[in-house]
Amino acid sequence: MSDSDFMQVALDLAQQAAAAGEVPVGAIVVKNGEIIGRGSNAPIGTHDPTAHAEIRAMRDAAQRIGNYRLVGCTLYVTLEPCAMCSGAIQHARIARLIYGASDPKTGACGSVVNLMAEPKLNHHTEVAGGILAQECGALLSNFFSARRKKS
């Protein structure tokens, strides 16, 4: 599968989050071409500020492989990770991060800050953004537009 194919899986998870009333962000962890972790945003429903899609996907993957280190894995997420998620990605030793839409408000992979390029940190994840960016961004825009119309 290509990066776009894997991002489409993450987009499907983001749509599930939207259907549950959560901000539509989805993420998957891939190792050796196999999806080993899945997550969608759930901080509202779980009353958990750490229940971001990336964190949930990494938790799922870590449980499946029996190790908190996700060496050799790629994380696909529909929105550029925040500082919390970026730190967790580095701590897990994710090799590659592929994200869809940039986040000009809280993005920590280049939009606001770039924690992935901080030379003082001991792990550096390879980052590529913009994969299915239009689709990822449209899902978020439509979600927030509908939310504003309701209120």
Protein backbone atom coordinates (compact mmCIF):
# COMPACT_ATOMS: atom_id res chain seq x y z
CA MET A 1 0.00 0.00 0.00
CA SER A 2 1.13 3.57 -0.66
CA ASP A 3 1.27 6.48 1.79
CA SER A 4 -1.98 7.73 0.24
CA ASP A 5 -3.65 4.35 0.78
CA PHE A 6 -2.63 4.29 4.44
CA MET A 7 -3.75 7.91 4.87
CA GLN A 8 -7.15 6.93 3.49
CA VAL A 9 -7.46 4.40 6.33
CA ALA A 10 -6.64 7.20 8.79
CA LEU A 11 -9.26 9.39 7.09
CA ASP A 12 -11.87 6.66 7.58
CA LEU A 13 -11.04 6.68 11.30
CA ALA A 14 -11.32 10.49 11.33
CA GLN A 15 -14.81 10.19 9.84
CA GLN A 16 -15.73 7.77 12.64
CA ALA A 17 -14.53 10.35 15.17
CA ALA A 18 -16.69 13.02 13.52
CA ALA A 19 -19.72 10.71 13.66
CA ALA A 20 -19.10 10.38 17.41
CA GLY A 21 -18.99 14.19 17.82
CA GLU A 22 -15.22 14.31 18.19
CA VAL A 23 -12.84 16.52 16.19
CA PRO A 24 -12.23 14.37 13.09
CA VAL A 25 -8.67 13.15 13.39
CA GLY A 26 -7.61 9.58 12.66
CA ALA A 27 -4.29 7.78 12.92
CA ILE A 28 -2.72 4.41 12.20
CA VAL A 29 0.64 2.83 12.99
CA VAL A 30 2.20 0.68 10.28
CA LYS A 31 5.09 -1.77 10.60
CA ASN A 32 6.42 -3.77 7.66
CA GLY A 33 3.39 -2.82 5.57
CA GLU A 34 0.88 -4.01 8.18
CA ILE A 35 -1.43 -1.82 10.26
CA ILE A 36 -0.66 -2.62 13.90
CA GLY A 37 -2.43 0.28 15.60
CA ARG A 38 -5.52 2.38 15.00
CA GLY A 39 -6.88 5.43 16.74
CA SER A 40 -9.37 8.22 16.37
CA ASN A 41 -9.88 11.33 18.46
CA ALA A 42 -11.86 10.68 21.63
CA PRO A 43 -11.02 13.27 24.31
CA ILE A 44 -14.64 14.43 24.61
CA GLY A 45 -16.26 11.02 24.95
CA THR A 46 -13.54 9.56 27.18
CA HIS A 47 -13.06 12.71 29.29
CA ASP A 48 -9.36 12.28 28.59
CA PRO A 49 -7.25 15.18 27.31
CA THR A 50 -4.62 12.72 26.07
CA ALA A 51 -7.05 10.70 23.91
CA HIS A 52 -5.78 12.15 20.63
CA ALA A 53 -5.83 9.88 17.60
CA GLU A 54 -2.03 9.56 17.53
CA ILE A 55 -1.79 8.57 21.19
CA ARG A 56 -4.59 6.03 20.83
CA ALA A 57 -3.02 4.50 17.71
CA MET A 58 0.38 4.24 19.41
CA ARG A 59 -1.19 2.68 22.53
CA ASP A 60 -2.96 0.13 20.34
CA ALA A 61 0.25 -0.69 18.47
CA ALA A 62 2.33 -0.94 21.65
CA GLN A 63 -0.19 -3.34 23.19
CA ARG A 64 -0.18 -5.50 20.07
CA ILE A 65 3.61 -5.82 19.89
CA GLY A 66 4.17 -5.83 23.65
CA ASN A 67 6.61 -2.93 23.64
CA TYR A 68 6.26 0.83 24.09
CA ARG A 69 9.08 1.36 21.59
CA LEU A 70 7.62 1.40 18.09
CA VAL A 71 10.96 1.16 16.31
CA GLY A 72 10.70 0.89 12.53
CA CYS A 73 7.07 2.05 12.50
CA THR A 74 5.35 4.75 10.49
CA LEU A 75 2.54 6.83 11.98
CA TYR A 76 -0.08 8.21 9.60
CA VAL A 77 -2.32 10.95 10.98
CA THR A 78 -4.80 13.23 9.24
CA LEU A 79 -3.69 16.39 11.09
CA GLU A 80 -0.22 17.65 11.99
CA PRO A 81 0.49 16.51 15.56
CA CYS A 82 0.46 18.87 18.53
CA ALA A 83 3.32 19.18 21.03
CA MET A 84 1.94 16.43 23.28
CA CYS A 85 1.64 13.96 20.43
CA SER A 86 4.99 14.96 18.93
CA GLY A 87 6.68 14.22 22.23
CA ALA A 88 4.98 10.82 22.46
CA ILE A 89 5.96 10.04 18.85
CA GLN A 90 9.60 10.73 19.66
CA HIS A 91 9.45 8.82 22.94
CA ALA A 92 8.02 5.79 21.10
CA ARG A 93 10.85 6.05 18.56
CA ILE A 94 8.50 6.21 15.57
CA ALA A 95 10.71 6.18 12.45
CA ARG A 96 8.41 8.10 10.09
CA LEU A 97 5.49 10.47 10.56
CA ILE A 98 3.18 11.13 7.63
CA TYR A 99 0.44 13.70 8.18
CA GLY A 100 -2.32 15.15 6.04
CA ALA A 101 -3.36 18.71 6.87
CA SER A 102 -1.07 21.24 8.54
CA ASP A 103 -2.25 22.78 11.80
CA PRO A 104 -1.46 26.51 11.90
CA LYS A 105 -2.74 26.82 15.49
CA THR A 106 -1.07 23.95 17.35
CA GLY A 107 1.09 22.05 14.83
CA ALA A 108 4.39 20.98 16.36
CA CYS A 109 6.01 19.56 13.22
CA GLY A 110 6.72 22.83 11.48
CA SER A 111 3.59 24.98 11.52
CA VAL A 112 3.97 26.60 14.96
CA VAL A 113 7.11 24.89 16.25
CA ASN A 114 9.12 21.97 14.93
CA LEU A 115 9.88 19.57 17.75
CA MET A 116 10.90 16.91 15.25
CA ALA A 117 13.86 19.03 14.15
CA GLU A 118 15.01 20.08 17.62
CA PRO A 119 18.71 19.13 17.72
CA LYS A 120 18.77 18.83 21.53
CA LEU A 121 16.31 15.94 21.47
CA ASN A 122 17.74 12.43 21.22
CA HIS A 123 15.37 11.00 18.59
CA HIS A 124 14.42 12.52 15.27
CA THR A 125 11.43 11.19 13.38
CA GLU A 126 11.39 11.63 9.61
CA VAL A 127 8.39 13.83 8.74
CA ALA A 128 6.37 14.33 5.57
CA GLY A 129 3.20 16.40 5.46
CA GLY A 130 0.57 17.12 2.88
CA ILE A 131 -0.51 13.56 2.05
CA LEU A 132 -4.21 13.86 1.09
CA ALA A 133 -4.05 17.32 2.69
CA GLN A 134 -7.09 18.62 0.82
CA GLU A 135 -9.29 15.72 1.93
CA CYS A 136 -8.02 15.86 5.52
CA GLY A 137 -8.47 19.63 5.70
CA ALA A 138 -11.94 19.52 4.14
CA LEU A 139 -13.12 16.99 6.72
CA LEU A 140 -11.98 19.29 9.53
CA SER A 141 -13.39 22.44 7.89
CA ASN A 142 -16.77 20.82 7.26
CA PHE A 143 -16.91 19.52 10.83
CA PHE A 144 -16.24 22.93 12.37
CA SER A 145 -18.56 24.69 9.91
CA ALA A 146 -21.42 22.36 10.87
CA ARG A 147 -20.62 22.85 14.54
CA ARG A 148 -20.77 26.65 14.18
CA LYS A 149 -24.15 26.41 12.41
CA LYS A 150 -25.56 24.38 15.32
CA SER A 151 -24.56 26.96 17.93
